[in-house]
mmCIF file of all heavy atoms, coordinates in Angstrom:
data_MODEL
# 
_entry.id   MODEL 
# 
loop_
_atom_site.group_PDB 
_atom_site.id 
_atom_site.type_symbol 
_atom_site.label_atom_id 
_atom_site.label_alt_id 
_atom_site.label_comp_id 
_atom_site.label_asym_id 
_atom_site.label_entity_id 
_atom_site.label_seq_id 
_atom_site.pdbx_PDB_ins_code 
_atom_site.Cartn_x 
_atom_site.Cartn_y 
_atom_site.Cartn_z 
_atom_site.occupancy 
_atom_site.B_iso_or_equiv 
_atom_site.pdbx_formal_charge 
_atom_site.auth_seq_id 
_atom_site.auth_comp_id 
_atom_site.auth_asym_id 
_atom_site.auth_atom_id 
_atom_site.pdbx_PDB_model_num 
ATOM 1   N N   . VAL A 1 1  ? 11.266  -6.177 3.628  1.00 0.00 ? 1  VAL A N   1 
ATOM 2   C CA  . VAL A 1 1  ? 10.608  -5.413 2.521  1.00 0.00 ? 1  VAL A CA  1 
ATOM 3   C C   . VAL A 1 1  ? 9.510   -4.496 3.079  1.00 0.00 ? 1  VAL A C   1 
ATOM 4   O O   . VAL A 1 1  ? 9.465   -3.310 2.718  1.00 0.00 ? 1  VAL A O   1 
ATOM 5   C CB  . VAL A 1 1  ? 9.994   -6.290 1.493  1.00 0.00 ? 1  VAL A CB  1 
ATOM 6   C CG1 . VAL A 1 1  ? 9.510   -5.609 0.294  1.00 0.00 ? 1  VAL A CG1 1 
ATOM 7   C CG2 . VAL A 1 1  ? 11.085  -7.341 1.096  1.00 0.00 ? 1  VAL A CG2 1 
ATOM 8   N N   . ILE A 1 2  ? 8.732   -5.062 3.968  1.00 0.00 ? 2  ILE A N   1 
ATOM 9   C CA  . ILE A 1 2  ? 7.594   -4.304 4.579  1.00 0.00 ? 2  ILE A CA  1 
ATOM 10  C C   . ILE A 1 2  ? 7.667   -4.419 6.050  1.00 0.00 ? 2  ILE A C   1 
ATOM 11  O O   . ILE A 1 2  ? 7.949   -5.588 6.547  1.00 0.00 ? 2  ILE A O   1 
ATOM 12  C CB  . ILE A 1 2  ? 6.190   -4.799 4.076  1.00 0.00 ? 2  ILE A CB  1 
ATOM 13  C CG1 . ILE A 1 2  ? 6.148   -4.756 2.515  1.00 0.00 ? 2  ILE A CG1 1 
ATOM 14  C CG2 . ILE A 1 2  ? 5.056   -4.050 4.676  1.00 0.00 ? 2  ILE A CG2 1 
ATOM 15  C CD1 . ILE A 1 2  ? 4.933   -5.367 1.941  1.00 0.00 ? 2  ILE A CD1 1 
ATOM 16  N N   . GLU A 1 3  ? 7.502   -3.381 6.848  1.00 0.00 ? 3  GLU A N   1 
ATOM 17  C CA  . GLU A 1 3  ? 7.473   -3.398 8.241  1.00 0.00 ? 3  GLU A CA  1 
ATOM 18  C C   . GLU A 1 3  ? 6.484   -2.422 8.803  1.00 0.00 ? 3  GLU A C   1 
ATOM 19  O O   . GLU A 1 3  ? 6.441   -1.276 8.499  1.00 0.00 ? 3  GLU A O   1 
ATOM 20  C CB  . GLU A 1 3  ? 8.891   -3.067 8.689  1.00 0.00 ? 3  GLU A CB  1 
ATOM 21  C CG  . GLU A 1 3  ? 9.146   -3.372 10.213 1.00 0.00 ? 3  GLU A CG  1 
ATOM 22  C CD  . GLU A 1 3  ? 10.578  -3.286 10.575 1.00 0.00 ? 3  GLU A CD  1 
ATOM 23  O OE1 . GLU A 1 3  ? 11.303  -2.476 9.976  1.00 0.00 ? 3  GLU A OE1 1 
ATOM 24  O OE2 . GLU A 1 3  ? 10.992  -4.017 11.468 1.00 0.00 ? 3  GLU A OE2 1 
ATOM 25  N N   . ASN A 1 4  ? 5.639   -2.993 9.705  1.00 0.00 ? 4  ASN A N   1 
ATOM 26  C CA  . ASN A 1 4  ? 4.724   -2.082 10.489 1.00 0.00 ? 4  ASN A CA  1 
ATOM 27  C C   . ASN A 1 4  ? 3.884   -1.292 9.553  1.00 0.00 ? 4  ASN A C   1 
ATOM 28  O O   . ASN A 1 4  ? 3.808   -0.042 9.650  1.00 0.00 ? 4  ASN A O   1 
ATOM 29  C CB  . ASN A 1 4  ? 5.392   -1.219 11.510 1.00 0.00 ? 4  ASN A CB  1 
ATOM 30  C CG  . ASN A 1 4  ? 6.157   -2.040 12.558 1.00 0.00 ? 4  ASN A CG  1 
ATOM 31  O OD1 . ASN A 1 4  ? 5.675   -3.071 12.954 1.00 0.00 ? 4  ASN A OD1 1 
ATOM 32  N ND2 . ASN A 1 4  ? 7.329   -1.543 12.929 1.00 0.00 ? 4  ASN A ND2 1 
ATOM 33  N N   . LEU A 1 5  ? 3.213   -1.903 8.591  1.00 0.00 ? 5  LEU A N   1 
ATOM 34  C CA  . LEU A 1 5  ? 2.333   -1.254 7.640  1.00 0.00 ? 5  LEU A CA  1 
ATOM 35  C C   . LEU A 1 5  ? 0.871   -1.525 7.998  1.00 0.00 ? 5  LEU A C   1 
ATOM 36  O O   . LEU A 1 5  ? 0.506   -2.743 8.046  1.00 0.00 ? 5  LEU A O   1 
ATOM 37  C CB  . LEU A 1 5  ? 2.632   -1.716 6.154  1.00 0.00 ? 5  LEU A CB  1 
ATOM 38  C CG  . LEU A 1 5  ? 1.761   -1.207 5.070  1.00 0.00 ? 5  LEU A CG  1 
ATOM 39  C CD1 . LEU A 1 5  ? 1.893   0.285  4.985  1.00 0.00 ? 5  LEU A CD1 1 
ATOM 40  C CD2 . LEU A 1 5  ? 2.010   -1.896 3.784  1.00 0.00 ? 5  LEU A CD2 1 
ATOM 41  N N   . LYS A 1 6  ? 0.129   -0.508 8.260  1.00 0.00 ? 6  LYS A N   1 
ATOM 42  C CA  . LYS A 1 6  ? -1.260  -0.714 8.723  1.00 0.00 ? 6  LYS A CA  1 
ATOM 43  C C   . LYS A 1 6  ? -2.110  0.344  8.063  1.00 0.00 ? 6  LYS A C   1 
ATOM 44  O O   . LYS A 1 6  ? -1.820  1.544  8.189  1.00 0.00 ? 6  LYS A O   1 
ATOM 45  C CB  . LYS A 1 6  ? -1.274  -0.635 10.229 1.00 0.00 ? 6  LYS A CB  1 
ATOM 46  C CG  . LYS A 1 6  ? -2.733  -0.979 10.810 1.00 0.00 ? 6  LYS A CG  1 
ATOM 47  C CD  . LYS A 1 6  ? -2.678  -0.649 12.302 1.00 0.00 ? 6  LYS A CD  1 
ATOM 48  C CE  . LYS A 1 6  ? -1.905  -1.762 13.027 1.00 0.00 ? 6  LYS A CE  1 
ATOM 49  N NZ  . LYS A 1 6  ? -2.128  -1.699 14.470 1.00 0.00 ? 6  LYS A NZ  1 
ATOM 50  N N   . PHE A 1 7  ? -3.241  -0.030 7.508  1.00 0.00 ? 7  PHE A N   1 
ATOM 51  C CA  . PHE A 1 7  ? -4.194  0.874  6.999  1.00 0.00 ? 7  PHE A CA  1 
ATOM 52  C C   . PHE A 1 7  ? -5.492  0.123  6.709  1.00 0.00 ? 7  PHE A C   1 
ATOM 53  O O   . PHE A 1 7  ? -5.492  -1.124 6.627  1.00 0.00 ? 7  PHE A O   1 
ATOM 54  C CB  . PHE A 1 7  ? -3.805  1.694  5.735  1.00 0.00 ? 7  PHE A CB  1 
ATOM 55  C CG  . PHE A 1 7  ? -3.503  0.910  4.551  1.00 0.00 ? 7  PHE A CG  1 
ATOM 56  C CD1 . PHE A 1 7  ? -4.475  0.638  3.618  1.00 0.00 ? 7  PHE A CD1 1 
ATOM 57  C CD2 . PHE A 1 7  ? -2.209  0.385  4.258  1.00 0.00 ? 7  PHE A CD2 1 
ATOM 58  C CE1 . PHE A 1 7  ? -4.286  -0.104 2.426  1.00 0.00 ? 7  PHE A CE1 1 
ATOM 59  C CE2 . PHE A 1 7  ? -1.982  -0.309 3.133  1.00 0.00 ? 7  PHE A CE2 1 
ATOM 60  C CZ  . PHE A 1 7  ? -2.943  -0.564 2.202  1.00 0.00 ? 7  PHE A CZ  1 
ATOM 61  N N   . SER A 1 8  ? -6.558  0.864  6.549  1.00 0.00 ? 8  SER A N   1 
ATOM 62  C CA  . SER A 1 8  ? -7.884  0.221  6.279  1.00 0.00 ? 8  SER A CA  1 
ATOM 63  C C   . SER A 1 8  ? -8.399  0.787  5.014  1.00 0.00 ? 8  SER A C   1 
ATOM 64  O O   . SER A 1 8  ? -8.147  1.978  4.658  1.00 0.00 ? 8  SER A O   1 
ATOM 65  C CB  . SER A 1 8  ? -8.849  0.421  7.444  1.00 0.00 ? 8  SER A CB  1 
ATOM 66  O OG  . SER A 1 8  ? -8.373  -0.169 8.641  1.00 0.00 ? 8  SER A OG  1 
ATOM 67  N N   . LEU A 1 9  ? -9.301  0.063  4.374  1.00 0.00 ? 9  LEU A N   1 
ATOM 68  C CA  . LEU A 1 9  ? -9.989  0.383  3.145  1.00 0.00 ? 9  LEU A CA  1 
ATOM 69  C C   . LEU A 1 9  ? -11.454 0.393  3.396  1.00 0.00 ? 9  LEU A C   1 
ATOM 70  O O   . LEU A 1 9  ? -11.936 -0.666 3.826  1.00 0.00 ? 9  LEU A O   1 
ATOM 71  C CB  . LEU A 1 9  ? -9.524  -0.502 1.991  1.00 0.00 ? 9  LEU A CB  1 
ATOM 72  C CG  . LEU A 1 9  ? -9.827  -0.013 0.497  1.00 0.00 ? 9  LEU A CG  1 
ATOM 73  C CD1 . LEU A 1 9  ? -9.006  1.186  0.268  1.00 0.00 ? 9  LEU A CD1 1 
ATOM 74  C CD2 . LEU A 1 9  ? -9.566  -1.151 -0.329 1.00 0.00 ? 9  LEU A CD2 1 
ATOM 75  N N   . THR A 1 10 ? -12.224 1.409  3.062  1.00 0.00 ? 10 THR A N   1 
ATOM 76  C CA  . THR A 1 10 ? -13.608 1.396  3.263  1.00 0.00 ? 10 THR A CA  1 
ATOM 77  C C   . THR A 1 10 ? -14.304 0.908  2.017  1.00 0.00 ? 10 THR A C   1 
ATOM 78  O O   . THR A 1 10 ? -13.744 0.857  0.910  1.00 0.00 ? 10 THR A O   1 
ATOM 79  C CB  . THR A 1 10 ? -14.230 2.821  3.612  1.00 0.00 ? 10 THR A CB  1 
ATOM 80  O OG1 . THR A 1 10 ? -13.860 3.741  2.570  1.00 0.00 ? 10 THR A OG1 1 
ATOM 81  C CG2 . THR A 1 10 ? -13.583 3.204  4.914  1.00 0.00 ? 10 THR A CG2 1 
ATOM 82  N N   . THR A 1 11 ? -15.560 0.483  2.178  1.00 0.00 ? 11 THR A N   1 
ATOM 83  C CA  . THR A 1 11 ? -16.322 -0.092 1.025  1.00 0.00 ? 11 THR A CA  1 
ATOM 84  C C   . THR A 1 11 ? -16.455 0.910  -0.148 1.00 0.00 ? 11 THR A C   1 
ATOM 85  O O   . THR A 1 11 ? -16.782 2.034  0.085  1.00 0.00 ? 11 THR A O   1 
ATOM 86  C CB  . THR A 1 11 ? -17.678 -0.518 1.523  1.00 0.00 ? 11 THR A CB  1 
ATOM 87  O OG1 . THR A 1 11 ? -17.596 -1.457 2.556  1.00 0.00 ? 11 THR A OG1 1 
ATOM 88  C CG2 . THR A 1 11 ? -18.554 -1.135 0.421  1.00 0.00 ? 11 THR A CG2 1 
ATOM 89  N N   . ASN A 1 12 ? -16.159 0.418  -1.313 1.00 0.00 ? 12 ASN A N   1 
ATOM 90  C CA  . ASN A 1 12 ? -16.244 1.191  -2.539 1.00 0.00 ? 12 ASN A CA  1 
ATOM 91  C C   . ASN A 1 12 ? -15.318 2.409  -2.599 1.00 0.00 ? 12 ASN A C   1 
ATOM 92  O O   . ASN A 1 12 ? -15.517 3.335  -3.445 1.00 0.00 ? 12 ASN A O   1 
ATOM 93  C CB  . ASN A 1 12 ? -17.743 1.671  -2.839 1.00 0.00 ? 12 ASN A CB  1 
ATOM 94  C CG  . ASN A 1 12 ? -18.707 0.534  -2.859 1.00 0.00 ? 12 ASN A CG  1 
ATOM 95  O OD1 . ASN A 1 12 ? -18.373 -0.647 -3.179 1.00 0.00 ? 12 ASN A OD1 1 
ATOM 96  N ND2 . ASN A 1 12 ? -19.985 0.775  -2.528 1.00 0.00 ? 12 ASN A ND2 1 
ATOM 97  N N   . GLN A 1 13 ? -14.287 2.350  -1.914 1.00 0.00 ? 13 GLN A N   1 
ATOM 98  C CA  . GLN A 1 13 ? -13.255 3.428  -1.863 1.00 0.00 ? 13 GLN A CA  1 
ATOM 99  C C   . GLN A 1 13 ? -12.118 3.209  -2.970 1.00 0.00 ? 13 GLN A C   1 
ATOM 100 O O   . GLN A 1 13 ? -11.663 2.021  -3.019 1.00 0.00 ? 13 GLN A O   1 
ATOM 101 C CB  . GLN A 1 13 ? -12.624 3.593  -0.516 1.00 0.00 ? 13 GLN A CB  1 
ATOM 102 C CG  . GLN A 1 13 ? -11.838 4.870  -0.356 1.00 0.00 ? 13 GLN A CG  1 
ATOM 103 C CD  . GLN A 1 13 ? -11.396 5.075  1.022  1.00 0.00 ? 13 GLN A CD  1 
ATOM 104 O OE1 . GLN A 1 13 ? -10.869 4.187  1.704  1.00 0.00 ? 13 GLN A OE1 1 
ATOM 105 N NE2 . GLN A 1 13 ? -11.660 6.240  1.614  1.00 0.00 ? 13 GLN A NE2 1 
ATOM 106 N N   . PHE A 1 14 ? -11.710 4.137  -3.693 1.00 0.00 ? 14 PHE A N   1 
ATOM 107 C CA  . PHE A 1 14 ? -10.643 4.020  -4.630 1.00 0.00 ? 14 PHE A CA  1 
ATOM 108 C C   . PHE A 1 14 ? -9.409  4.644  -3.960 1.00 0.00 ? 14 PHE A C   1 
ATOM 109 O O   . PHE A 1 14 ? -9.287  5.785  -3.743 1.00 0.00 ? 14 PHE A O   1 
ATOM 110 C CB  . PHE A 1 14 ? -11.051 4.826  -5.890 1.00 0.00 ? 14 PHE A CB  1 
ATOM 111 C CG  . PHE A 1 14 ? -10.281 4.369  -7.120 1.00 0.00 ? 14 PHE A CG  1 
ATOM 112 C CD1 . PHE A 1 14 ? -10.850 3.993  -8.196 1.00 0.00 ? 14 PHE A CD1 1 
ATOM 113 C CD2 . PHE A 1 14 ? -8.792  4.332  -7.103 1.00 0.00 ? 14 PHE A CD2 1 
ATOM 114 C CE1 . PHE A 1 14 ? -10.198 3.560  -9.412 1.00 0.00 ? 14 PHE A CE1 1 
ATOM 115 C CE2 . PHE A 1 14 ? -8.188  3.978  -8.324 1.00 0.00 ? 14 PHE A CE2 1 
ATOM 116 C CZ  . PHE A 1 14 ? -8.885  3.560  -9.427 1.00 0.00 ? 14 PHE A CZ  1 
ATOM 117 N N   . VAL A 1 15 ? -8.367  3.694  -3.686 1.00 0.00 ? 15 VAL A N   1 
ATOM 118 C CA  . VAL A 1 15 ? -7.237  4.185  -3.015 1.00 0.00 ? 15 VAL A CA  1 
ATOM 119 C C   . VAL A 1 15 ? -5.963  3.910  -3.939 1.00 0.00 ? 15 VAL A C   1 
ATOM 120 O O   . VAL A 1 15 ? -5.770  2.855  -4.503 1.00 0.00 ? 15 VAL A O   1 
ATOM 121 C CB  . VAL A 1 15 ? -7.023  3.479  -1.710 1.00 0.00 ? 15 VAL A CB  1 
ATOM 122 C CG1 . VAL A 1 15 ? -5.665  3.696  -1.061 1.00 0.00 ? 15 VAL A CG1 1 
ATOM 123 C CG2 . VAL A 1 15 ? -8.091  3.726  -0.724 1.00 0.00 ? 15 VAL A CG2 1 
ATOM 124 N N   . CYS A 1 16 ? -5.111  4.980  -4.168 1.00 0.00 ? 16 CYS A N   1 
ATOM 125 C CA  . CYS A 1 16 ? -3.891  4.777  -4.920 1.00 0.00 ? 16 CYS A CA  1 
ATOM 126 C C   . CYS A 1 16 ? -2.717  4.715  -3.997 1.00 0.00 ? 16 CYS A C   1 
ATOM 127 O O   . CYS A 1 16 ? -2.626  5.453  -2.928 1.00 0.00 ? 16 CYS A O   1 
ATOM 128 C CB  . CYS A 1 16 ? -3.725  5.989  -5.844 1.00 0.00 ? 16 CYS A CB  1 
ATOM 129 S SG  . CYS A 1 16 ? -4.668  5.785  -7.360 1.00 0.00 ? 16 CYS A SG  1 
ATOM 130 N N   . LEU A 1 17 ? -1.752  3.831  -4.319 1.00 0.00 ? 17 LEU A N   1 
ATOM 131 C CA  . LEU A 1 17 ? -0.508  3.660  -3.556 1.00 0.00 ? 17 LEU A CA  1 
ATOM 132 C C   . LEU A 1 17 ? 0.616   4.225  -4.369 1.00 0.00 ? 17 LEU A C   1 
ATOM 133 O O   . LEU A 1 17 ? 0.812   3.859  -5.537 1.00 0.00 ? 17 LEU A O   1 
ATOM 134 C CB  . LEU A 1 17 ? -0.275  2.202  -3.325 1.00 0.00 ? 17 LEU A CB  1 
ATOM 135 C CG  . LEU A 1 17 ? -1.396  1.406  -2.603 1.00 0.00 ? 17 LEU A CG  1 
ATOM 136 C CD1 . LEU A 1 17 ? -1.013  -0.122 -2.615 1.00 0.00 ? 17 LEU A CD1 1 
ATOM 137 C CD2 . LEU A 1 17 ? -1.590  1.939  -1.190 1.00 0.00 ? 17 LEU A CD2 1 
ATOM 138 N N   . VAL A 1 18 ? 1.405   5.150  -3.847 1.00 0.00 ? 18 VAL A N   1 
ATOM 139 C CA  . VAL A 1 18 ? 2.578   5.680  -4.440 1.00 0.00 ? 18 VAL A CA  1 
ATOM 140 C C   . VAL A 1 18 ? 3.762   5.587  -3.438 1.00 0.00 ? 18 VAL A C   1 
ATOM 141 O O   . VAL A 1 18 ? 3.607   5.570  -2.332 1.00 0.00 ? 18 VAL A O   1 
ATOM 142 C CB  . VAL A 1 18 ? 2.322   7.242  -4.846 1.00 0.00 ? 18 VAL A CB  1 
ATOM 143 C CG1 . VAL A 1 18 ? 1.217   7.325  -5.871 1.00 0.00 ? 18 VAL A CG1 1 
ATOM 144 C CG2 . VAL A 1 18 ? 2.160   8.086  -3.612 1.00 0.00 ? 18 VAL A CG2 1 
ATOM 145 N N   . GLY A 1 19 ? 4.971   5.513  -4.123 1.00 0.00 ? 19 GLY A N   1 
ATOM 146 C CA  . GLY A 1 19 ? 6.123   5.388  -3.311 1.00 0.00 ? 19 GLY A CA  1 
ATOM 147 C C   . GLY A 1 19 ? 7.288   5.026  -4.242 1.00 0.00 ? 19 GLY A C   1 
ATOM 148 O O   . GLY A 1 19 ? 7.159   4.877  -5.452 1.00 0.00 ? 19 GLY A O   1 
ATOM 149 N N   . PRO A 1 20 ? 8.509   4.989  -3.742 1.00 0.00 ? 20 PRO A N   1 
ATOM 150 C CA  . PRO A 1 20 ? 9.730   4.813  -4.532 1.00 0.00 ? 20 PRO A CA  1 
ATOM 151 C C   . PRO A 1 20 ? 9.739   3.446  -5.291 1.00 0.00 ? 20 PRO A C   1 
ATOM 152 O O   . PRO A 1 20 ? 9.153   2.532  -4.745 1.00 0.00 ? 20 PRO A O   1 
ATOM 153 C CB  . PRO A 1 20 ? 10.881  4.873  -3.514 1.00 0.00 ? 20 PRO A CB  1 
ATOM 154 C CG  . PRO A 1 20 ? 10.327  5.570  -2.317 1.00 0.00 ? 20 PRO A CG  1 
ATOM 155 C CD  . PRO A 1 20 ? 8.838   5.182  -2.319 1.00 0.00 ? 20 PRO A CD  1 
ATOM 156 N N   . SER A 1 21 ? 10.396  3.440  -6.450 1.00 0.00 ? 21 SER A N   1 
ATOM 157 C CA  . SER A 1 21 ? 10.510  2.180  -7.115 1.00 0.00 ? 21 SER A CA  1 
ATOM 158 C C   . SER A 1 21 ? 11.236  1.195  -6.290 1.00 0.00 ? 21 SER A C   1 
ATOM 159 O O   . SER A 1 21 ? 12.227  1.483  -5.640 1.00 0.00 ? 21 SER A O   1 
ATOM 160 C CB  . SER A 1 21 ? 11.321  2.440  -8.453 1.00 0.00 ? 21 SER A CB  1 
ATOM 161 O OG  . SER A 1 21 ? 10.598  3.336  -9.348 1.00 0.00 ? 21 SER A OG  1 
ATOM 162 N N   . GLY A 1 22 ? 10.710  -0.033 -6.317 1.00 0.00 ? 22 GLY A N   1 
ATOM 163 C CA  . GLY A 1 22 ? 11.296  -1.140 -5.596 1.00 0.00 ? 22 GLY A CA  1 
ATOM 164 C C   . GLY A 1 22 ? 11.108  -1.204 -4.078 1.00 0.00 ? 22 GLY A C   1 
ATOM 165 O O   . GLY A 1 22 ? 11.669  -1.983 -3.365 1.00 0.00 ? 22 GLY A O   1 
ATOM 166 N N   . CYS A 1 23 ? 10.054  -0.358 -3.526 1.00 0.00 ? 23 CYS A N   1 
ATOM 167 C CA  . CYS A 1 23 ? 9.885   -0.284 -2.092 1.00 0.00 ? 23 CYS A CA  1 
ATOM 168 C C   . CYS A 1 23 ? 9.071   -1.480 -1.646 1.00 0.00 ? 23 CYS A C   1 
ATOM 169 O O   . CYS A 1 23 ? 9.026   -1.628 -0.353 1.00 0.00 ? 23 CYS A O   1 
ATOM 170 C CB  . CYS A 1 23 ? 9.345   1.059  -1.749 1.00 0.00 ? 23 CYS A CB  1 
ATOM 171 S SG  . CYS A 1 23 ? 7.583   1.310  -2.248 1.00 0.00 ? 23 CYS A SG  1 
ATOM 172 N N   . GLY A 1 24 ? 8.324   -2.066 -2.546 1.00 0.00 ? 24 GLY A N   1 
ATOM 173 C CA  . GLY A 1 24 ? 7.535   -3.221 -2.057 1.00 0.00 ? 24 GLY A CA  1 
ATOM 174 C C   . GLY A 1 24 ? 6.062   -3.144 -2.400 1.00 0.00 ? 24 GLY A C   1 
ATOM 175 O O   . GLY A 1 24 ? 5.209   -3.924 -1.849 1.00 0.00 ? 24 GLY A O   1 
ATOM 176 N N   . LYS A 1 25 ? 5.689   -2.257 -3.318 1.00 0.00 ? 25 LYS A N   1 
ATOM 177 C CA  . LYS A 1 25 ? 4.209   -2.067 -3.560 1.00 0.00 ? 25 LYS A CA  1 
ATOM 178 C C   . LYS A 1 25 ? 3.593   -3.308 -4.216 1.00 0.00 ? 25 LYS A C   1 
ATOM 179 O O   . LYS A 1 25 ? 2.536   -3.719 -3.875 1.00 0.00 ? 25 LYS A O   1 
ATOM 180 C CB  . LYS A 1 25 ? 4.022   -0.825 -4.485 1.00 0.00 ? 25 LYS A CB  1 
ATOM 181 C CG  . LYS A 1 25 ? 4.450   0.505  -3.861 1.00 0.00 ? 25 LYS A CG  1 
ATOM 182 C CD  . LYS A 1 25 ? 4.157   1.639  -4.717 1.00 0.00 ? 25 LYS A CD  1 
ATOM 183 C CE  . LYS A 1 25 ? 4.986   1.707  -5.965 1.00 0.00 ? 25 LYS A CE  1 
ATOM 184 N NZ  . LYS A 1 25 ? 6.427   1.831  -5.832 1.00 0.00 ? 25 LYS A NZ  1 
ATOM 185 N N   . THR A 1 26 ? 4.297   -3.934 -5.164 1.00 0.00 ? 26 THR A N   1 
ATOM 186 C CA  . THR A 1 26 ? 3.808   -5.189 -5.865 1.00 0.00 ? 26 THR A CA  1 
ATOM 187 C C   . THR A 1 26 ? 3.702   -6.236 -4.838 1.00 0.00 ? 26 THR A C   1 
ATOM 188 O O   . THR A 1 26 ? 2.752   -7.095 -4.831 1.00 0.00 ? 26 THR A O   1 
ATOM 189 C CB  . THR A 1 26 ? 4.693   -5.457 -7.097 1.00 0.00 ? 26 THR A CB  1 
ATOM 190 O OG1 . THR A 1 26 ? 4.499   -4.445 -7.983 1.00 0.00 ? 26 THR A OG1 1 
ATOM 191 C CG2 . THR A 1 26 ? 4.080   -6.835 -7.676 1.00 0.00 ? 26 THR A CG2 1 
ATOM 192 N N   . THR A 1 27 ? 4.753   -6.401 -3.963 1.00 0.00 ? 27 THR A N   1 
ATOM 193 C CA  . THR A 1 27 ? 4.683   -7.351 -2.959 1.00 0.00 ? 27 THR A CA  1 
ATOM 194 C C   . THR A 1 27 ? 3.480   -7.193 -2.021 1.00 0.00 ? 27 THR A C   1 
ATOM 195 O O   . THR A 1 27 ? 2.803   -8.182 -1.666 1.00 0.00 ? 27 THR A O   1 
ATOM 196 C CB  . THR A 1 27 ? 6.009   -7.277 -2.088 1.00 0.00 ? 27 THR A CB  1 
ATOM 197 O OG1 . THR A 1 27 ? 7.137   -7.540 -2.928 1.00 0.00 ? 27 THR A OG1 1 
ATOM 198 C CG2 . THR A 1 27 ? 5.971   -8.251 -0.987 1.00 0.00 ? 27 THR A CG2 1 
ATOM 199 N N   . LEU A 1 28 ? 3.106   -5.969 -1.713 1.00 0.00 ? 28 LEU A N   1 
ATOM 200 C CA  . LEU A 1 28 ? 1.946   -5.690 -0.853 1.00 0.00 ? 28 LEU A CA  1 
ATOM 201 C C   . LEU A 1 28 ? 0.665   -6.143 -1.551 1.00 0.00 ? 28 LEU A C   1 
ATOM 202 O O   . LEU A 1 28 ? -0.165  -6.831 -0.971 1.00 0.00 ? 28 LEU A O   1 
ATOM 203 C CB  . LEU A 1 28 ? 1.854   -4.140 -0.602 1.00 0.00 ? 28 LEU A CB  1 
ATOM 204 C CG  . LEU A 1 28 ? 0.551   -3.673 0.055  1.00 0.00 ? 28 LEU A CG  1 
ATOM 205 C CD1 . LEU A 1 28 ? 0.305   -4.354 1.410  1.00 0.00 ? 28 LEU A CD1 1 
ATOM 206 C CD2 . LEU A 1 28 ? 0.549   -2.152 0.192  1.00 0.00 ? 28 LEU A CD2 1 
# 
């Protein structure tokens, strides 16, 4: 479902995730 996914989130940052339906966003 997920492979080699890497990113960082800074303090108080608002980040939106977009991608195809069923790609694994809820799993993430």
